[in-house]
Each structure stands twice: as C-alpha cells, then as structure tokens.
Amino acid sequence: MIARPERVGRGWLGEVVDQPATQVAIRGLGARDLALSGGALVAAAQGTGIREWLLATVASDLADITATVAAHDSLTPRAVTGTVALAGGSVAAAVILAARSA
C-alpha cells in the first residue's frame, strides 16, 4: 500500500489512483494501518494494552467505511461492497478481541 499505492487503490478508487495527490492519501492510510497493527502486535507480545490499539483500529476502519459509503456515487458497487466487507470484518474481529482482552 505504501510502496505501490496504485496497485492497492485501483479497485477501491478507480483511475484517480494514478494521481499523485491520491497516492499521498493511500500511503497515509497504509502507514496508519501499519502503525496500528504494529502497535497491537508489540502490545500483545509484551502483554500490555492491546485493547486500546484494537479500539483505535475500530475507529479507523469505521472512518474508512463511512468515507466510502459517503462517496458511493463516485465508486463502483464492487469497491463499496468490498470496502464495507473488509473493513467491517476487521471491525468485528477487533471488537471481539478487545472484549476478550478487557
């Protein structure tokens, strides 16, 4: 996502992914996801505070879903469905793990 944003983002955003400004946003999302996942992995390995990392992931994925649904007129139905399914699955998994880590 960070190294090749056009490969990851094309199915989601279409041809606008070739624009440098769009690639900035995609790289930012990739960095955010890496930071949250990395933080959760480190916390899990150390046995500390994974719940907070998981809840931050939930907030980020819900923002992705909201932004995608809000722009659904500009996206393909497959992109909207795929994003809602993927991010929604991530939200569900993170909520379950966060509840178990409380």
PDB file of N, CA and C in Angstrom:
ATOM      1  N   MET A   1       0.827  -1.189   0.000  1.00  0.00           N
ATOM      2  CA  MET A   1       0.000   0.000   0.000  1.00  0.00           C
ATOM      3  C   MET A   1       0.873   1.255   0.000  1.00  0.00           C
ATOM      4  N   ILE A   2       1.947   1.195   0.746  1.00  0.00           N
ATOM      5  CA  ILE A   2       2.817   2.364   0.816  1.00  0.00           C
ATOM      6  C   ILE A   2       3.722   2.434  -0.414  1.00  0.00           C
ATOM      7  N   ALA A   3       4.303   1.307  -0.773  1.00  0.00           N
ATOM      8  CA  ALA A   3       5.242   1.294  -1.900  1.00  0.00           C
ATOM      9  C   ALA A   3       4.550   1.389  -3.254  1.00  0.00           C
ATOM     10  N   ARG A   4       3.404   0.771  -3.391  1.00  0.00           N
ATOM     11  CA  ARG A   4       2.692   0.745  -4.674  1.00  0.00           C
ATOM     12  C   ARG A   4       1.214   1.096  -4.477  1.00  0.00           C
ATOM     13  N   PRO A   5       0.910   2.328  -4.133  1.00  0.00           N
ATOM     14  CA  PRO A   5      -0.477   2.699  -3.827  1.00  0.00           C
ATOM     15  C   PRO A   5      -1.425   2.490  -5.001  1.00  0.00           C
ATOM     16  N   GLU A   6      -0.923   2.603  -6.221  1.00  0.00           N
ATOM     17  CA  GLU A   6      -1.789   2.427  -7.386  1.00  0.00           C
ATOM     18  C   GLU A   6      -2.285   0.991  -7.504  1.00  0.00           C
ATOM     19  N   ARG A   7      -1.502   0.022  -7.080  1.00  0.00           N
ATOM     20  CA  ARG A   7      -1.924  -1.381  -7.151  1.00  0.00           C
ATOM     21  C   ARG A   7      -3.030  -1.681  -6.155  1.00  0.00           C
ATOM     22  N   VAL A   8      -2.872  -1.180  -4.962  1.00  0.00           N
ATOM     23  CA  VAL A   8      -3.848  -1.447  -3.907  1.00  0.00           C
ATOM     24  C   VAL A   8      -5.111  -0.613  -4.086  1.00  0.00           C
ATOM     25  N   GLY A   9      -4.932   0.626  -4.483  1.00  0.00           N
ATOM     26  CA  GLY A   9      -6.052   1.553  -4.521  1.00  0.00           C
ATOM     27  C   GLY A   9      -6.920   1.526  -5.760  1.00  0.00           C
ATOM     28  N   ARG A  10      -6.453   0.926  -6.843  1.00  0.00           N
ATOM     29  CA  ARG A  10      -7.209   0.971  -8.098  1.00  0.00           C
ATOM     30  C   ARG A  10      -8.600   0.344  -7.973  1.00  0.00           C
ATOM     31  N   GLY A  11      -8.700  -0.788  -7.330  1.00  0.00           N
ATOM     32  CA  GLY A  11     -10.004  -1.434  -7.181  1.00  0.00           C
ATOM     33  C   GLY A  11     -10.954  -0.670  -6.282  1.00  0.00           C
ATOM     34  N   TRP A  12     -10.409   0.142  -5.413  1.00  0.00           N
ATOM     35  CA  TRP A  12     -11.219   0.917  -4.477  1.00  0.00           C
ATOM     36  C   TRP A  12     -11.605   2.263  -5.079  1.00  0.00           C
ATOM     37  N   LEU A  13     -10.616   2.976  -5.633  1.00  0.00           N
ATOM     38  CA  LEU A  13     -10.841   4.354  -6.066  1.00  0.00           C
ATOM     39  C   LEU A  13     -10.876   4.551  -7.573  1.00  0.00           C
ATOM     40  N   GLY A  14     -10.519   3.527  -8.325  1.00  0.00           N
ATOM     41  CA  GLY A  14     -10.545   3.646  -9.782  1.00  0.00           C
ATOM     42  C   GLY A  14      -9.326   4.373 -10.318  1.00  0.00           C
ATOM     43  N   GLU A  15      -9.491   5.018 -11.460  1.00  0.00           N
ATOM     44  CA  GLU A  15      -8.378   5.638 -12.171  1.00  0.00           C
ATOM     45  C   GLU A  15      -7.765   6.840 -11.457  1.00  0.00           C
ATOM     46  N   VAL A  16      -8.485   7.436 -10.511  1.00  0.00           N
ATOM     47  CA  VAL A  16      -7.914   8.580  -9.795  1.00  0.00           C
ATOM     48  C   VAL A  16      -6.691   8.165  -8.978  1.00  0.00           C
ATOM     49  N   VAL A  17      -6.515   6.867  -8.811  1.00  0.00           N
ATOM     50  CA  VAL A  17      -5.375   6.363  -8.057  1.00  0.00           C
ATOM     51  C   VAL A  17      -4.040   6.699  -8.730  1.00  0.00           C
ATOM     52  N   ASP A  18      -4.074   7.031 -10.012  1.00  0.00           N
ATOM     53  CA  ASP A  18      -2.851   7.398 -10.723  1.00  0.00           C
ATOM     54  C   ASP A  18      -2.409   8.829 -10.421  1.00  0.00           C
ATOM     55  N   GLN A  19      -3.254   9.606  -9.783  1.00  0.00           N
ATOM     56  CA  GLN A  19      -2.907  10.990  -9.461  1.00  0.00           C
ATOM     57  C   GLN A  19      -2.033  11.025  -8.203  1.00  0.00           C
ATOM     58  N   PRO A  20      -0.949  11.782  -8.244  1.00  0.00           N
ATOM     59  CA  PRO A  20      -0.045  11.840  -7.086  1.00  0.00           C
ATOM     60  C   PRO A  20      -0.739  12.218  -5.771  1.00  0.00           C
ATOM     61  N   ALA A  21      -1.694  13.124  -5.819  1.00  0.00           N
ATOM     62  CA  ALA A  21      -2.384  13.526  -4.589  1.00  0.00           C
ATOM     63  C   ALA A  21      -3.160  12.356  -3.989  1.00  0.00           C
ATOM     64  N   THR A  22      -3.752  11.535  -4.826  1.00  0.00           N
ATOM     65  CA  THR A  22      -4.469  10.357  -4.340  1.00  0.00           C
ATOM     66  C   THR A  22      -3.492   9.369  -3.727  1.00  0.00           C
ATOM     67  N   GLN A  23      -2.325   9.238  -4.330  1.00  0.00           N
ATOM     68  CA  GLN A  23      -1.319   8.314  -3.801  1.00  0.00           C
ATOM     69  C   GLN A  23      -0.818   8.751  -2.425  1.00  0.00           C
ATOM     70  N   VAL A  24      -0.792  10.053  -2.183  1.00  0.00           N
ATOM     71  CA  VAL A  24      -0.414  10.560  -0.854  1.00  0.00           C
ATOM     72  C   VAL A  24      -1.400  10.029   0.184  1.00  0.00           C
ATOM     73  N   ALA A  25      -2.683  10.142  -0.112  1.00  0.00           N
ATOM     74  CA  ALA A  25      -3.711   9.696   0.831  1.00  0.00           C
ATOM     75  C   ALA A  25      -3.650   8.184   1.045  1.00  0.00           C
ATOM     76  N   ILE A  26      -3.448   7.440  -0.010  1.00  0.00           N
ATOM     77  CA  ILE A  26      -3.376   5.981   0.118  1.00  0.00           C
ATOM     78  C   ILE A  26      -2.157   5.576   0.941  1.00  0.00           C
ATOM     79  N   ARG A  27      -1.038   6.228   0.702  1.00  0.00           N
ATOM     80  CA  ARG A  27       0.155   5.931   1.502  1.00  0.00           C
ATOM     81  C   ARG A  27      -0.082   6.266   2.974  1.00  0.00           C
ATOM     82  N   GLY A  28      -0.781   7.358   3.221  1.00  0.00           N
ATOM     83  CA  GLY A  28      -1.104   7.720   4.598  1.00  0.00           C
ATOM     84  C   GLY A  28      -1.973   6.678   5.279  1.00  0.00           C
ATOM     85  N   LEU A  29      -2.952   6.162   4.553  1.00  0.00           N
ATOM     86  CA  LEU A  29      -3.797   5.102   5.109  1.00  0.00           C
ATOM     87  C   LEU A  29      -2.980   3.848   5.384  1.00  0.00           C
ATOM     88  N   GLY A  30      -2.078   3.535   4.459  1.00  0.00           N
ATOM     89  CA  GLY A  30      -1.220   2.370   4.658  1.00  0.00           C
ATOM     90  C   GLY A  30      -0.329   2.528   5.882  1.00  0.00           C
ATOM     91  N   ALA A  31       0.237   3.707   6.056  1.00  0.00           N
ATOM     92  CA  ALA A  31       1.088   3.968   7.219  1.00  0.00           C
ATOM     93  C   ALA A  31       0.270   3.877   8.508  1.00  0.00           C
ATOM     94  N   ARG A  32      -0.943   4.402   8.471  1.00  0.00           N
ATOM     95  CA  ARG A  32      -1.819   4.328   9.647  1.00  0.00           C
ATOM     96  C   ARG A  32      -2.091   2.877  10.012  1.00  0.00           C
ATOM     97  N   ASP A  33      -2.435   2.073   9.010  1.00  0.00           N
ATOM     98  CA  ASP A  33      -2.739   0.669   9.277  1.00  0.00           C
ATOM     99  C   ASP A  33      -1.513  -0.087   9.798  1.00  0.00           C
ATOM    100  N   LEU A  34      -0.340   0.201   9.229  1.00  0.00           N
ATOM    101  CA  LEU A  34       0.882  -0.436   9.722  1.00  0.00           C
ATOM    102  C   LEU A  34       1.175  -0.039  11.165  1.00  0.00           C
ATOM    103  N   ALA A  35       1.005   1.235  11.482  1.00  0.00           N
ATOM    104  CA  ALA A  35       1.265   1.700  12.846  1.00  0.00           C
ATOM    105  C   ALA A  35       0.312   1.057  13.846  1.00  0.00           C
ATOM    106  N   LEU A  36      -0.964   0.999  13.498  1.00  0.00           N
ATOM    107  CA  LEU A  36      -1.937   0.397  14.412  1.00  0.00           C
ATOM    108  C   LEU A  36      -1.704  -1.099  14.582  1.00  0.00           C
ATOM    109  N   SER A  37      -1.455  -1.780  13.486  1.00  0.00           N
ATOM    110  CA  SER A  37      -1.198  -3.223  13.563  1.00  0.00           C
ATOM    111  C   SER A  37       0.099  -3.505  14.305  1.00  0.00           C
ATOM    112  N   GLY A  38       1.130  -2.727  13.995  1.00  0.00           N
ATOM    113  CA  GLY A  38       2.408  -2.908  14.689  1.00  0.00           C
ATOM    114  C   GLY A  38       2.290  -2.640  16.175  1.00  0.00           C
ATOM    115  N   GLY A  39       1.564  -1.590  16.525  1.00  0.00           N
ATOM    116  CA  GLY A  39       1.352  -1.292  17.940  1.00  0.00           C
ATOM    117  C   GLY A  39       0.610  -2.402  18.652  1.00  0.00           C
ATOM    118  N   ALA A  40      -0.390  -2.953  17.995  1.00  0.00           N
ATOM    119  CA  ALA A  40      -1.148  -4.065  18.590  1.00  0.00           C
ATOM    120  C   ALA A  40      -0.266  -5.301  18.759  1.00  0.00           C
ATOM    121  N   LEU A  41       0.567  -5.580  17.765  1.00  0.00           N
ATOM    122  CA  LEU A  41       1.462  -6.740  17.863  1.00  0.00           C
ATOM    123  C   LEU A  41       2.478  -6.573  18.988  1.00  0.00           C
ATOM    124  N   VAL A  42       3.054  -5.398  19.105  1.00  0.00           N
ATOM    125  CA  VAL A  42       4.018  -5.148  20.177  1.00  0.00           C
ATOM    126  C   VAL A  42       3.327  -5.258  21.533  1.00  0.00           C
ATOM    127  N   ALA A  43       2.145  -4.662  21.649  1.00  0.00           N
ATOM    128  CA  ALA A  43       1.406  -4.737  22.919  1.00  0.00           C
ATOM    129  C   ALA A  43       1.061  -6.178  23.266  1.00  0.00           C
ATOM    130  N   ALA A  44       0.661  -6.955  22.271  1.00  0.00           N
ATOM    131  CA  ALA A  44       0.330  -8.363  22.518  1.00  0.00           C
ATOM    132  C   ALA A  44       1.578  -9.135  22.956  1.00  0.00           C
ATOM    133  N   ALA A  45       2.701  -8.869  22.308  1.00  0.00           N
ATOM    134  CA  ALA A  45       3.942  -9.558  22.655  1.00  0.00           C
ATOM    135  C   ALA A  45       4.406  -9.207  24.068  1.00  0.00           C
ATOM    136  N   GLN A  46       4.158  -7.964  24.471  1.00  0.00           N
ATOM    137  CA  GLN A  46       4.561  -7.516  25.803  1.00  0.00           C
ATOM    138  C   GLN A  46       3.498  -7.778  26.863  1.00  0.00           C
ATOM    139  N   GLY A  47       2.309  -8.173  26.413  1.00  0.00           N
ATOM    140  CA  GLY A  47       1.225  -8.427  27.356  1.00  0.00           C
ATOM    141  C   GLY A  47       0.632  -7.163  27.959  1.00  0.00           C
ATOM    142  N   THR A  48       0.683  -6.068  27.191  1.00  0.00           N
ATOM    143  CA  THR A  48       0.186  -4.790  27.724  1.00  0.00           C
ATOM    144  C   THR A  48      -0.731  -4.087  26.724  1.00  0.00           C
ATOM    145  N   GLY A  49      -1.778  -3.481  27.188  1.00  0.00           N
ATOM    146  CA  GLY A  49      -2.594  -2.520  26.467  1.00  0.00           C
ATOM    147  C   GLY A  49      -3.019  -2.798  25.040  1.00  0.00           C
ATOM    148  N   ILE A  50      -3.312  -4.023  24.671  1.00  0.00           N
ATOM    149  CA  ILE A  50      -3.737  -4.299  23.296  1.00  0.00           C
ATOM    150  C   ILE A  50      -5.131  -3.736  23.027  1.00  0.00           C
ATOM    151  N   ARG A  51      -5.958  -3.652  24.043  1.00  0.00           N
ATOM    152  CA  ARG A  51      -7.343  -3.191  23.864  1.00  0.00           C
ATOM    153  C   ARG A  51      -7.392  -1.798  23.242  1.00  0.00           C
ATOM    154  N   GLU A  52      -6.546  -0.914  23.693  1.00  0.00           N
ATOM    155  CA  GLU A  52      -6.531   0.452  23.168  1.00  0.00           C
ATOM    156  C   GLU A  52      -6.158   0.472  21.686  1.00  0.00           C
ATOM    157  N   TRP A  53      -5.199  -0.357  21.304  1.00  0.00           N
ATOM    158  CA  TRP A  53      -4.796  -0.446  19.897  1.00  0.00           C
ATOM    159  C   TRP A  53      -5.937  -0.985  19.046  1.00  0.00           C
ATOM    160  N   LEU A  54      -6.632  -1.978  19.571  1.00  0.00           N
ATOM    161  CA  LEU A  54      -7.758  -2.556  18.838  1.00  0.00           C
ATOM    162  C   LEU A  54      -8.887  -1.543  18.664  1.00  0.00           C
ATOM    163  N   LEU A  55      -9.159  -0.777  19.696  1.00  0.00           N
ATOM    164  CA  LEU A  55     -10.219   0.231  19.593  1.00  0.00           C
ATOM    165  C   LEU A  55      -9.834   1.346  18.620  1.00  0.00           C
ATOM    166  N   ALA A  56      -8.565   1.679  18.562  1.00  0.00           N
ATOM    167  CA  ALA A  56      -8.106   2.654  17.569  1.00  0.00           C
ATOM    168  C   ALA A  56      -8.281   2.099  16.153  1.00  0.00           C
ATOM    169  N   THR A  57      -8.036   0.815  15.991  1.00  0.00           N
ATOM    170  CA  THR A  57      -8.260   0.164  14.698  1.00  0.00           C
ATOM    171  C   THR A  57      -9.734   0.204  14.323  1.00  0.00           C
ATOM    172  N   VAL A  58     -10.606  -0.039  15.283  1.00  0.00           N
ATOM    173  CA  VAL A  58     -12.050   0.035  15.036  1.00  0.00           C
ATOM    174  C   VAL A  58     -12.428   1.428  14.550  1.00  0.00           C
ATOM    175  N   ALA A  59     -11.946   2.447  15.226  1.00  0.00           N
ATOM    176  CA  ALA A  59     -12.270   3.826  14.829  1.00  0.00           C
ATOM    177  C   ALA A  59     -11.780   4.112  13.408  1.00  0.00           C
ATOM    178  N   SER A  60     -10.590   3.670  13.086  1.00  0.00           N
ATOM    179  CA  SER A  60     -10.036   3.899  11.746  1.00  0.00           C
ATOM    180  C   SER A  60     -10.839   3.168  10.671  1.00  0.00           C
ATOM    181  N   ASP A  61     -11.172   1.927  10.937  1.00  0.00           N
ATOM    182  CA  ASP A  61     -11.942   1.162   9.945  1.00  0.00           C
ATOM    183  C   ASP A  61     -13.358   1.709   9.779  1.00  0.00           C
ATOM    184  N   LEU A  62     -13.956   2.167  10.873  1.00  0.00           N
ATOM    185  CA  LEU A  62     -15.276   2.789  10.755  1.00  0.00           C
ATOM    186  C   LEU A  62     -15.203   4.072   9.937  1.00  0.00           C
ATOM    187  N   ALA A  63     -14.116   4.813  10.084  1.00  0.00           N
ATOM    188  CA  ALA A  63     -13.927   6.019   9.267  1.00  0.00           C
ATOM    189  C   ALA A  63     -13.795   5.651   7.794  1.00  0.00           C
ATOM    190  N   ASP A  64     -13.086   4.561   7.489  1.00  0.00           N
ATOM    191  CA  ASP A  64     -12.965   4.096   6.101  1.00  0.00           C
ATOM    192  C   ASP A  64     -14.327   3.712   5.526  1.00  0.00           C
ATOM    193  N   ILE A  65     -15.112   3.011   6.316  1.00  0.00           N
ATOM    194  CA  ILE A  65     -16.454   2.618   5.869  1.00  0.00           C
ATOM    195  C   ILE A  65     -17.306   3.859   5.628  1.00  0.00           C
ATOM    196  N   THR A  66     -17.304   4.769   6.569  1.00  0.00           N
ATOM    197  CA  THR A  66     -18.114   5.987   6.447  1.00  0.00           C
ATOM    198  C   THR A  66     -17.725   6.797   5.220  1.00  0.00           C
ATOM    199  N   ALA A  67     -16.428   6.974   5.020  1.00  0.00           N
ATOM    200  CA  ALA A  67     -15.958   7.749   3.861  1.00  0.00           C
ATOM    201  C   ALA A  67     -16.324   7.062   2.548  1.00  0.00           C
ATOM    202  N   THR A  68     -16.213   5.750   2.517  1.00  0.00           N
ATOM    203  CA  THR A  68     -16.539   5.003   1.302  1.00  0.00           C
ATOM    204  C   THR A  68     -18.030   5.079   1.001  1.00  0.00           C
ATOM    205  N   VAL A  69     -18.851   4.886   2.000  1.00  0.00           N
ATOM    206  CA  VAL A  69     -20.308   4.952   1.791  1.00  0.00           C
ATOM    207  C   VAL A  69     -20.719   6.367   1.387  1.00  0.00           C
ATOM    208  N   ALA A  70     -20.103   7.368   1.993  1.00  0.00           N
ATOM    209  CA  ALA A  70     -20.428   8.759   1.647  1.00  0.00           C
ATOM    210  C   ALA A  70     -20.089   9.079   0.195  1.00  0.00           C
ATOM    211  N   ALA A  71     -19.072   8.426  -0.349  1.00  0.00           N
ATOM    212  CA  ALA A  71     -18.640   8.677  -1.732  1.00  0.00           C
ATOM    213  C   ALA A  71     -19.103   7.588  -2.689  1.00  0.00           C
ATOM    214  N   HIS A  72     -20.102   6.833  -2.293  1.00  0.00           N
ATOM    215  CA  HIS A  72     -20.505   5.664  -3.095  1.00  0.00           C
ATOM    216  C   HIS A  72     -20.879   6.019  -4.534  1.00  0.00           C
ATOM    217  N   ASP A  73     -21.360   7.227  -4.765  1.00  0.00           N
ATOM    218  CA  ASP A  73     -21.723   7.636  -6.132  1.00  0.00           C
ATOM    219  C   ASP A  73     -20.512   7.717  -7.052  1.00  0.00           C
ATOM    220  N   SER A  74     -19.337   7.905  -6.478  1.00  0.00           N
ATOM    221  CA  SER A  74     -18.117   8.041  -7.261  1.00  0.00           C
ATOM    222  C   SER A  74     -17.330   6.738  -7.362  1.00  0.00           C
ATOM    223  N   LEU A  75     -17.805   5.703  -6.704  1.00  0.00           N
ATOM    224  CA  LEU A  75     -17.099   4.426  -6.662  1.00  0.00           C
ATOM    225  C   LEU A  75     -17.939   3.333  -7.317  1.00  0.00           C
ATOM    226  N   THR A  76     -17.272   2.252  -7.675  1.00  0.00           N
ATOM    227  CA  THR A  76     -18.023   1.125  -8.226  1.00  0.00           C
ATOM    228  C   THR A  76     -18.743   0.403  -7.089  1.00  0.00           C
ATOM    229  N   PRO A  77     -19.857  -0.257  -7.398  1.00  0.00           N
ATOM    230  CA  PRO A  77     -20.532  -1.034  -6.358  1.00  0.00           C
ATOM    231  C   PRO A  77     -19.609  -2.080  -5.726  1.00  0.00           C
ATOM    232  N   ARG A  78     -18.742  -2.668  -6.535  1.00  0.00           N
ATOM    233  CA  ARG A  78     -17.803  -3.668  -6.016  1.00  0.00           C
ATOM    234  C   ARG A  78     -16.849  -3.038  -5.009  1.00  0.00           C
ATOM    235  N   ALA A  79     -16.397  -1.821  -5.281  1.00  0.00           N
ATOM    236  CA  ALA A  79     -15.491  -1.133  -4.361  1.00  0.00           C
ATOM    237  C   ALA A  79     -16.175  -0.847  -3.033  1.00  0.00           C
ATOM    238  N   VAL A  80     -17.416  -0.404  -3.100  1.00  0.00           N
ATOM    239  CA  VAL A  80     -18.155  -0.097  -1.872  1.00  0.00           C
ATOM    240  C   VAL A  80     -18.404  -1.381  -1.076  1.00  0.00           C
ATOM    241  N   THR A  81     -18.900  -2.400  -1.744  1.00  0.00           N
ATOM    242  CA  THR A  81     -19.180  -3.674  -1.072  1.00  0.00           C
ATOM    243  C   THR A  81     -17.907  -4.273  -0.488  1.00  0.00           C
ATOM    244  N   GLY A  82     -16.839  -4.252  -1.265  1.00  0.00           N
ATOM    245  CA  GLY A  82     -15.578  -4.815  -0.796  1.00  0.00           C
ATOM    246  C   GLY A  82     -15.020  -4.084   0.404  1.00  0.00           C
ATOM    247  N   THR A  83     -15.081  -2.764   0.369  1.00  0.00           N
ATOM    248  CA  THR A  83     -14.566  -1.974   1.482  1.00  0.00           C
ATOM    249  C   THR A  83     -15.395  -2.199   2.740  1.00  0.00           C
ATOM    250  N   VAL A  84     -16.707  -2.180   2.581  1.00  0.00           N
ATOM    251  CA  VAL A  84     -17.576  -2.401   3.741  1.00  0.00           C
ATOM    252  C   VAL A  84     -17.353  -3.805   4.305  1.00  0.00           C
ATOM    253  N   ALA A  85     -17.204  -4.793   3.439  1.00  0.00           N
ATOM    254  CA  ALA A  85     -16.988  -6.159   3.914  1.00  0.00           C
ATOM    255  C   ALA A  85     -15.633  -6.311   4.606  1.00  0.00           C
ATOM    256  N   LEU A  86     -14.578  -5.813   3.970  1.00  0.00           N
ATOM    257  CA  LEU A  86     -13.237  -5.966   4.539  1.00  0.00           C
ATOM    258  C   LEU A  86     -13.081  -5.172   5.831  1.00  0.00           C
ATOM    259  N   ALA A  87     -13.434  -3.896   5.792  1.00  0.00           N
ATOM    260  CA  ALA A  87     -13.307  -3.067   6.988  1.00  0.00           C
ATOM    261  C   ALA A  87     -14.297  -3.509   8.066  1.00  0.00           C
ATOM    262  N   GLY A  88     -15.485  -3.927   7.638  1.00  0.00           N
ATOM    263  CA  GLY A  88     -16.475  -4.416   8.599  1.00  0.00           C
ATOM    264  C   GLY A  88     -16.009  -5.682   9.295  1.00  0.00           C
ATOM    265  N   GLY A  89     -15.381  -6.573   8.547  1.00  0.00           N
ATOM    266  CA  GLY A  89     -14.823  -7.782   9.154  1.00  0.00           C
ATOM    267  C   GLY A  89     -13.715  -7.459  10.142  1.00  0.00           C
ATOM    268  N   SER A  90     -12.904  -6.476   9.790  1.00  0.00           N
ATOM    269  CA  SER A  90     -11.844  -6.044  10.688  1.00  0.00           C
ATOM    270  C   SER A  90     -12.427  -5.441  11.967  1.00  0.00           C
ATOM    271  N   VAL A  91     -13.482  -4.642  11.813  1.00  0.00           N
ATOM    272  CA  VAL A  91     -14.150  -4.056  12.983  1.00  0.00           C
ATOM    273  C   VAL A  91     -14.686  -5.164  13.888  1.00  0.00           C
ATOM    274  N   ALA A  92     -15.367  -6.131  13.303  1.00  0.00           N
ATOM    275  CA  ALA A  92     -15.944  -7.223  14.094  1.00  0.00           C
ATOM    276  C   ALA A  92     -14.854  -7.997  14.845  1.00  0.00           C
ATOM    277  N   ALA A  93     -13.773  -8.322  14.143  1.00  0.00           N
ATOM    278  CA  ALA A  93     -12.687  -9.070  14.786  1.00  0.00           C
ATOM    279  C   ALA A  93     -12.049  -8.255  15.907  1.00  0.00           C
ATOM    280  N   ALA A  94     -11.814  -6.968  15.659  1.00  0.00           N
ATOM    281  CA  ALA A  94     -11.172  -6.125  16.680  1.00  0.00           C
ATOM    282  C   ALA A  94     -12.075  -5.941  17.894  1.00  0.00           C
ATOM    283  N   VAL A  95     -13.377  -5.798  17.674  1.00  0.00           N
ATOM    284  CA  VAL A  95     -14.309  -5.647  18.800  1.00  0.00           C
ATOM    285  C   VAL A  95     -14.322  -6.921  19.652  1.00  0.00           C
ATOM    286  N   ILE A  96     -14.355  -8.064  18.995  1.00  0.00           N
ATOM    287  CA  ILE A  96     -14.350  -9.343  19.736  1.00  0.00           C
ATOM    288  C   ILE A  96     -13.048  -9.490  20.538  1.00  0.00           C
ATOM    289  N   LEU A  97     -11.918  -9.209  19.884  1.00  0.00           N
ATOM    290  CA  LEU A  97     -10.631  -9.316  20.590  1.00  0.00           C
ATOM    291  C   LEU A  97     -10.535  -8.298  21.727  1.00  0.00           C
ATOM    292  N   ALA A  98     -11.024  -7.086  21.503  1.00  0.00           N
ATOM    293  CA  ALA A  98     -10.977  -6.061  22.554  1.00  0.00           C
ATOM    294  C   ALA A  98     -11.828  -6.471  23.746  1.00  0.00           C
ATOM    295  N   ALA A  99     -12.988  -7.045  23.471  1.00  0.00           N
ATOM    296  CA  ALA A  99     -13.864  -7.501  24.567  1.00  0.00           C
ATOM    297  C   ALA A  99     -13.201  -8.602  25.367  1.00  0.00           C
ATOM    298  N   ARG A 100     -12.493  -9.466  24.687  1.00  0.00           N
ATOM    299  CA  ARG A 100     -11.810 -10.594  25.373  1.00  0.00           C
ATOM    300  C   ARG A 100     -10.565 -10.135  26.137  1.00  0.00           C
ATOM    301  N   SER A 101     -10.022  -8.985  25.746  1.00  0.00           N
ATOM    302  CA  SER A 101      -8.802  -8.521  26.396  1.00  0.00           C
ATOM    303  C   SER A 101      -9.095  -7.597  27.574  1.00  0.00           C
ATOM    304  N   ALA A 102     -10.381  -7.322  27.792  1.00  0.00           N
ATOM    305  CA  ALA A 102     -10.753  -6.398  28.881  1.00  0.00           C
ATOM    306  C   ALA A 102     -10.550  -7.033  30.232  1.00  0.00           C
TER     307      ALA A 102
END
